[in-house]
Amino acid sequence: MAGVANLDSWQGVHPELLGTARAFAAFIRVECGLRPNSIEAYLRDLHELLAFATGLGIDDLSDVTPRLLSDHIRYLSADRGLAGSSVVRHLATIRVFGRWLEATGRVADNPAGILERPTRWKHLPGVLSPNQMRRLLSAPEPRPTDRGAPLWVRDRAILELMYASGLRASEAADLTCNAVMLDSGVVRITGKGDKQRLVPMGAPAVGAVDLYLDECRGVLVEAGAKPTDRLFLSRSGRPLERVAIWQIVKRWASAAGLNGVHPHVLRHSFATHLLSGGADLRVVQDLLGHADIATTQIYTHVDGIRLKSVHKQFHPRG
C-alpha cells in the first residue's frame, strides 16, 4: 500500500481507528526507537488490519476481538495468498499492537493475547561455497568503458566488507568513515534498534577498503554537491542507499556466473563459514547482532557435513 509512512494518505480506515494508528506510530518511532524500515513494515501491516476492520463496519477498538484478528490472519493466508514468513510478520505486528492497546488503557484486555506466538517458518538460507565466494569477491575489475572514479574498487570494498563482517545492506549503506578502523582491523556497525557492535574485518577487507579510500572515494567526494561522512558514495558523490547496495551485489554476482545472490546471502555465508570453521554459536550471534540466539541457530542446520564430522570425532559410538 502506497504512502504508509504518511498516515493521512491511508485509504479505507475509519477516522477513529486512524487516530489510534497515529499514536501507535509515535510509540514505535519514539519509545521503541525502531529504524525507518521497521517502522514502515509495522505501519504497512497495521494499515491492512485497520482497513480490514473498517470494511467490517468496525469503528471502535473495543470491537477488535480475537475472532476478528484470527479472521484477518486467515484472510491474509487464504485469500491474499501471502507467504508464511509474511503472515508471521503480520502476527508479530498484531501482537505488539495488542499489547500497546492494553498497556495504554485503550482496551481492557489484549485482543491478541490468545494468538499463538509466531514461529518463523524455518527454511535454509542461501549460502555460497567458499569457492563461489572467491569468484564473487574477485569479480569487480576495471572495464575498458569505465570513466572517472574506479567504481570497481568501491564495489570490491563493499563485497569484501559485507562478507568479512556479516553486514546487512542497510548497515553497509549507513557506515561512516569513522566507523571503519583500519589500524585495528575492526568496524563499528549500527544495527537494528540502533544497537552497535564491533566486528573484525580481516586483512582482505582492510586492504580493499584502504584502496577505496586512497583511489576512489576522494574523486567521488569532489563530484558531490555537499560533503558527507558516509563511507560508500555513488558516482555523483551522494551516499549509497540500501537499494544501490543490492544492485551492486547482484550485478557482480551475475558477472561471476552466480544466480540468486543478494546482500543477505553474503551475511548467511559469513555465519555459515564461521560455524563450519569451528566458531562458537554465541560468538556468531554477537557478530551478527542477533538479540535472540534462536535466530542464529538456523545456521546450525546448514552445515550437516561438519555436524557429522564432530559426532564421529567426539562420540564414543561415532
Protein backbone atom coordinates (compact mmCIF):
# COMPACT_ATOMS: atom_id res chain seq x y z
CA MET A 1 0.00 0.00 0.00
CA ALA A 2 1.43 3.33 -1.04
CA GLY A 3 2.05 6.09 1.40
CA VAL A 4 2.11 4.10 4.64
CA ALA A 5 4.73 6.48 6.05
CA ASN A 6 2.15 9.30 5.75
CA LEU A 7 -0.94 8.21 7.65
CA ASP A 8 -3.02 10.99 6.09
CA SER A 9 -2.80 9.10 2.81
CA TRP A 10 -4.23 5.88 4.24
CA GLN A 11 -7.36 4.74 2.44
CA GLY A 12 -10.21 2.66 3.81
CA VAL A 13 -9.57 3.28 7.53
CA HIS A 14 -12.20 4.82 9.82
CA PRO A 15 -11.10 8.20 11.29
CA GLU A 16 -11.38 6.89 14.87
CA LEU A 17 -9.04 3.99 14.07
CA LEU A 18 -6.72 6.30 12.15
CA GLY A 19 -6.23 8.42 15.28
CA THR A 20 -5.12 5.32 17.16
CA ALA A 21 -2.74 4.45 14.35
CA ARG A 22 -1.06 7.86 14.69
CA ALA A 23 -0.50 7.30 18.40
CA PHE A 24 0.92 3.82 17.76
CA ALA A 25 3.23 5.20 15.06
CA ALA A 26 4.61 7.73 17.54
CA PHE A 27 5.10 4.94 20.08
CA ILE A 28 7.18 2.67 17.84
CA ARG A 29 9.19 5.61 16.48
CA VAL A 30 9.96 7.46 19.74
CA GLU A 31 9.70 4.94 22.57
CA CYS A 32 10.76 1.77 20.74
CA GLY A 33 13.40 3.56 18.66
CA LEU A 34 12.79 1.38 15.61
CA ARG A 35 14.64 2.05 12.38
CA PRO A 36 12.70 3.58 9.45
CA ASN A 37 12.41 0.28 7.56
CA SER A 38 10.95 -1.46 10.61
CA ILE A 39 8.52 1.39 11.25
CA GLU A 40 7.41 1.21 7.61
CA ALA A 41 6.77 -2.55 7.91
CA TYR A 42 4.79 -2.20 11.17
CA LEU A 43 2.61 0.56 9.76
CA ARG A 44 2.04 -1.29 6.49
CA ASP A 45 0.75 -4.30 8.42
CA LEU A 46 -1.35 -2.12 10.72
CA HIS A 47 -2.90 -0.35 7.73
CA GLU A 48 -4.08 -3.67 6.35
CA LEU A 49 -5.51 -4.72 9.72
CA LEU A 50 -7.41 -1.48 10.30
CA ALA A 51 -8.69 -1.39 6.70
CA PHE A 52 -9.92 -4.96 7.20
CA ALA A 53 -11.70 -3.94 10.42
CA THR A 54 -13.21 -0.84 8.78
CA GLY A 55 -14.51 -3.00 5.95
CA LEU A 56 -16.46 -4.99 8.52
CA GLY A 57 -18.05 -1.80 9.86
CA ILE A 58 -15.84 -1.51 12.94
CA ASP A 59 -15.03 1.97 14.21
CA ASP A 60 -14.38 1.23 17.90
CA LEU A 61 -11.33 -0.52 19.31
CA SER A 62 -13.49 -2.46 21.76
CA ASP A 63 -14.89 -4.33 18.76
CA VAL A 64 -11.42 -5.55 17.71
CA THR A 65 -11.77 -9.10 19.06
CA PRO A 66 -9.59 -12.21 18.94
CA ARG A 67 -12.04 -13.61 16.38
CA LEU A 68 -11.56 -10.60 14.12
CA LEU A 69 -7.77 -10.90 14.35
CA SER A 70 -7.97 -14.62 13.52
CA ASP A 71 -10.22 -13.87 10.55
CA HIS A 72 -7.72 -11.24 9.35
CA ILE A 73 -4.82 -13.70 9.54
CA ARG A 74 -6.90 -16.30 7.70
CA TYR A 75 -7.69 -13.70 5.03
CA LEU A 76 -4.00 -12.86 4.58
CA SER A 77 -3.07 -16.51 4.19
CA ALA A 78 -6.00 -17.98 2.27
CA ASP A 79 -7.39 -15.06 0.25
CA ARG A 80 -4.30 -12.90 -0.20
CA GLY A 81 -2.01 -15.91 -0.56
CA LEU A 82 0.82 -14.35 1.46
CA ALA A 83 3.89 -16.47 2.14
CA GLY A 84 4.28 -17.99 5.60
CA SER A 85 7.08 -15.58 6.52
CA SER A 86 4.87 -12.59 5.62
CA VAL A 87 1.98 -13.91 7.72
CA VAL A 88 4.39 -14.37 10.64
CA ARG A 89 5.45 -10.73 10.31
CA HIS A 90 1.80 -9.62 10.37
CA LEU A 91 1.26 -11.73 13.50
CA ALA A 92 4.21 -10.06 15.20
CA THR A 93 2.82 -6.60 14.38
CA ILE A 94 -0.64 -7.54 15.68
CA ARG A 95 0.81 -8.85 18.94
CA VAL A 96 2.79 -5.65 19.54
CA PHE A 97 -0.26 -3.54 18.67
CA GLY A 98 -2.47 -5.57 21.03
CA ARG A 99 -0.06 -5.23 23.95
CA TRP A 100 0.18 -1.49 23.33
CA LEU A 101 -3.62 -1.12 23.27
CA GLU A 102 -3.90 -2.82 26.67
CA ALA A 103 -0.91 -1.01 28.22
CA THR A 104 -2.28 2.41 27.23
CA GLY A 105 -5.79 1.64 28.50
CA ARG A 106 -7.42 1.80 25.09
CA VAL A 107 -8.87 -1.67 25.64
CA ALA A 108 -9.46 -3.66 28.82
CA ASP A 109 -7.92 -6.88 27.51
CA ASN A 110 -5.34 -7.52 24.83
CA PRO A 111 -7.29 -8.97 21.87
CA ALA A 112 -4.11 -10.57 20.52
CA GLY A 113 -3.28 -12.23 23.83
CA ILE A 114 -4.63 -15.65 22.84
CA LEU A 115 -2.95 -15.70 19.44
CA GLU A 116 -0.13 -18.22 19.27
CA ARG A 117 3.34 -16.77 19.40
CA PRO A 118 4.60 -16.64 15.81
CA THR A 119 7.38 -19.06 14.99
CA ARG A 120 9.32 -18.03 11.93
CA TRP A 121 8.98 -20.59 9.19
CA LYS A 122 12.30 -22.37 9.18
CA HIS A 123 13.99 -22.52 5.81
CA LEU A 124 17.62 -22.92 4.99
CA PRO A 125 19.16 -19.64 3.84
CA GLY A 126 21.02 -19.42 0.56
CA VAL A 127 24.74 -19.87 1.16
CA LEU A 128 27.69 -19.62 -1.22
CA SER A 129 30.53 -22.11 -1.01
CA PRO A 130 33.99 -20.71 -0.24
CA ASN A 131 34.92 -21.19 -3.91
CA GLN A 132 31.81 -19.35 -5.10
CA MET A 133 32.54 -16.57 -2.65
CA ARG A 134 36.07 -16.20 -4.04
CA ARG A 135 34.59 -15.88 -7.54
CA LEU A 136 32.22 -13.16 -6.37
CA LEU A 137 34.87 -11.19 -4.50
CA SER A 138 37.23 -11.26 -7.47
CA ALA A 139 34.52 -10.31 -10.00
CA PRO A 140 34.87 -6.49 -9.70
CA GLU A 141 37.61 -5.40 -12.08
CA PRO A 142 38.24 -2.44 -14.39
CA ARG A 143 36.44 -2.34 -17.72
CA PRO A 144 37.56 -0.59 -20.93
CA THR A 145 34.42 1.57 -20.89
CA ASP A 146 35.00 2.87 -17.34
CA ARG A 147 35.37 6.63 -16.98
CA GLY A 148 36.17 8.77 -13.94
CA ALA A 149 36.41 7.18 -10.49
CA PRO A 150 37.32 3.45 -10.41
CA LEU A 151 33.93 2.25 -9.13
CA TRP A 152 35.05 -1.37 -9.29
CA VAL A 153 37.41 -0.55 -6.39
CA ARG A 154 34.43 0.70 -4.38
CA ASP A 155 32.35 -2.33 -5.29
CA ARG A 156 35.08 -4.78 -4.30
CA ALA A 157 35.45 -2.98 -0.95
CA ILE A 158 31.70 -3.30 -0.38
CA LEU A 159 31.68 -7.03 -1.17
CA GLU A 160 34.78 -7.77 0.90
CA LEU A 161 33.49 -5.85 3.91
CA MET A 162 29.97 -7.28 3.81
CA TYR A 163 31.27 -10.85 3.69
CA ALA A 164 34.12 -10.31 6.18
CA SER A 165 31.89 -8.69 8.81
CA GLY A 166 28.41 -10.07 8.08
CA LEU A 167 26.83 -6.71 7.28
CA ARG A 168 23.25 -6.18 6.23
CA ALA A 169 22.78 -3.99 3.14
CA SER A 170 21.39 -1.17 5.29
CA GLU A 171 24.36 -1.42 7.65
CA ALA A 172 26.83 -1.15 4.79
CA ALA A 173 24.96 1.86 3.39
CA ASP A 174 24.94 3.61 6.78
CA LEU A 175 28.65 3.16 7.55
CA THR A 176 30.64 6.31 8.16
CA CYS A 177 34.37 6.72 7.60
CA ASN A 178 34.98 6.94 11.36
CA ALA A 179 33.24 3.58 11.87
CA VAL A 180 35.94 1.74 9.92
CA MET A 181 39.11 1.44 11.99
CA LEU A 182 41.71 0.11 9.58
CA ASP A 183 44.61 0.20 12.06
CA SER A 184 42.84 -2.15 14.47
CA GLY A 185 41.01 -4.08 11.75
CA VAL A 186 37.50 -3.64 13.16
CA VAL A 187 34.31 -1.93 12.03
CA ARG A 188 31.68 -0.37 14.28
CA ILE A 189 28.26 -1.36 12.98
CA THR A 190 24.97 0.27 13.91
CA GLY A 191 22.32 -2.41 13.52
CA LYS A 192 18.62 -2.81 14.23
CA GLY A 193 17.33 -0.70 17.10
CA ASP A 194 20.45 1.48 16.77
CA LYS A 195 22.45 -1.18 18.65
CA GLN A 196 26.17 -1.02 17.99
CA ARG A 197 28.64 -3.87 17.72
CA LEU A 198 32.34 -4.16 16.87
CA VAL A 199 33.20 -6.79 14.28
CA PRO A 200 36.64 -7.76 12.89
CA MET A 201 37.22 -7.03 9.22
CA GLY A 202 40.04 -9.34 8.20
CA ALA A 203 43.10 -8.42 6.14
CA PRO A 204 41.49 -8.67 2.64
CA ALA A 205 38.64 -6.35 3.63
CA VAL A 206 41.05 -3.91 5.29
CA GLY A 207 43.12 -3.83 2.12
CA ALA A 208 40.09 -3.37 -0.13
CA VAL A 209 38.66 -0.51 1.96
CA ASP A 210 42.09 1.14 2.21
CA LEU A 211 42.45 1.02 -1.57
CA TYR A 212 38.97 2.50 -1.99
CA LEU A 213 39.81 5.37 0.37
CA ASP A 214 43.10 6.06 -1.45
CA GLU A 215 41.99 5.78 -5.07
CA CYS A 216 38.24 6.23 -5.32
CA ARG A 217 36.40 7.97 -2.51
CA GLY A 218 38.20 11.31 -2.89
CA VAL A 219 37.17 11.50 -6.54
CA LEU A 220 33.57 10.73 -5.63
CA VAL A 221 33.58 13.38 -2.87
CA GLU A 222 34.68 16.01 -5.39
CA ALA A 223 31.71 15.10 -7.59
CA GLY A 224 29.24 15.66 -4.77
CA ALA A 225 27.27 18.81 -4.06
CA LYS A 226 27.99 18.73 -0.33
CA PRO A 227 30.42 16.88 1.95
CA THR A 228 29.35 13.71 3.75
CA ASP A 229 30.95 11.37 6.25
CA ARG A 230 29.30 8.28 4.79
CA LEU A 231 31.85 5.73 3.62
CA PHE A 232 30.38 4.44 0.37
CA LEU A 233 29.36 7.03 -2.22
CA SER A 234 27.69 6.99 -5.62
CA ARG A 235 29.18 8.29 -8.86
CA SER A 236 27.57 11.67 -8.11
CA GLY A 237 29.10 11.84 -4.63
CA ARG A 238 25.88 11.07 -2.75
CA PRO A 239 25.72 8.39 -0.04
CA LEU A 240 24.83 4.98 -1.44
CA GLU A 241 21.38 3.79 -0.39
CA ARG A 242 20.41 0.22 0.54
CA VAL A 243 18.82 -0.40 -2.86
CA ALA A 244 22.08 0.57 -4.59
CA ILE A 245 23.98 -1.94 -2.43
CA TRP A 246 21.56 -4.65 -3.60
CA GLN A 247 22.12 -3.69 -7.22
CA ILE A 248 25.90 -3.77 -6.83
CA VAL A 249 25.85 -7.25 -5.27
CA LYS A 250 23.51 -8.65 -7.91
CA ARG A 251 25.50 -7.08 -10.77
CA TRP A 252 28.81 -8.63 -9.75
CA ALA A 253 27.19 -11.94 -8.82
CA SER A 254 25.83 -12.12 -12.36
CA ALA A 255 29.28 -11.28 -13.72
CA ALA A 256 30.67 -14.18 -11.64
CA GLY A 257 28.06 -16.56 -13.07
CA LEU A 258 26.14 -16.86 -9.76
CA ASN A 259 22.35 -16.82 -9.59
CA GLY A 260 20.04 -15.81 -6.76
CA VAL A 261 22.70 -13.84 -4.88
CA HIS A 262 21.67 -10.77 -2.85
CA PRO A 263 23.27 -8.97 0.11
CA HIS A 264 21.80 -11.28 2.74
CA VAL A 265 23.40 -14.28 1.02
CA LEU A 266 26.77 -12.75 1.92
CA ARG A 267 25.61 -12.45 5.54
CA HIS A 268 24.35 -16.05 5.53
CA SER A 269 27.66 -17.22 4.08
CA PHE A 270 29.61 -15.24 6.69
CA ALA A 271 27.76 -17.03 9.53
CA THR A 272 27.83 -20.47 7.95
CA HIS A 273 31.54 -20.36 7.12
CA LEU A 274 32.35 -19.25 10.67
CA LEU A 275 30.42 -22.18 12.15
CA SER A 276 32.00 -24.54 9.62
CA GLY A 277 35.39 -23.39 10.83
CA GLY A 278 34.54 -24.17 14.44
CA ALA A 279 33.26 -20.83 15.76
CA ASP A 280 31.03 -20.88 18.84
CA LEU A 281 27.35 -20.18 18.19
CA ARG A 282 27.27 -17.44 20.84
CA VAL A 283 30.19 -15.67 19.18
CA VAL A 284 28.43 -15.79 15.81
CA GLN A 285 25.30 -14.41 17.49
CA ASP A 286 27.28 -11.40 18.76
CA LEU A 287 28.95 -10.84 15.40
CA LEU A 288 25.60 -10.87 13.59
CA GLY A 289 23.96 -8.64 16.21
CA HIS A 290 21.10 -11.06 16.87
CA ALA A 291 19.16 -10.34 20.06
CA ASP A 292 17.92 -13.95 20.28
CA ILE A 293 20.20 -16.94 19.73
CA ALA A 294 17.25 -18.79 18.21
CA THR A 295 17.66 -16.52 15.17
CA THR A 296 21.28 -17.62 14.84
CA GLN A 297 20.53 -21.32 15.30
CA ILE A 298 19.18 -21.66 11.78
CA TYR A 299 22.78 -21.72 10.58
CA THR A 300 23.44 -24.89 12.58
CA HIS A 301 21.10 -26.71 10.18
CA VAL A 302 23.04 -25.64 7.10
CA ASP A 303 26.34 -27.38 7.65
CA GLY A 304 25.38 -31.02 8.12
CA ILE A 305 28.81 -32.22 6.99
CA ARG A 306 30.57 -30.57 9.92
CA LEU A 307 27.88 -31.85 12.29
CA LYS A 308 28.57 -35.42 11.20
CA SER A 309 32.33 -34.98 11.48
CA VAL A 310 32.02 -33.60 15.03
CA HIS A 311 29.80 -36.53 16.00
CA LYS A 312 32.24 -39.02 14.51
CA GLN A 313 35.22 -37.38 16.23
CA PHE A 314 33.82 -36.99 19.74
CA HIS A 315 31.04 -39.56 20.26
CA PRO A 316 32.17 -42.95 21.63
CA ARG A 317 30.00 -44.72 19.05
CA GLY A 318 30.67 -42.23 16.24
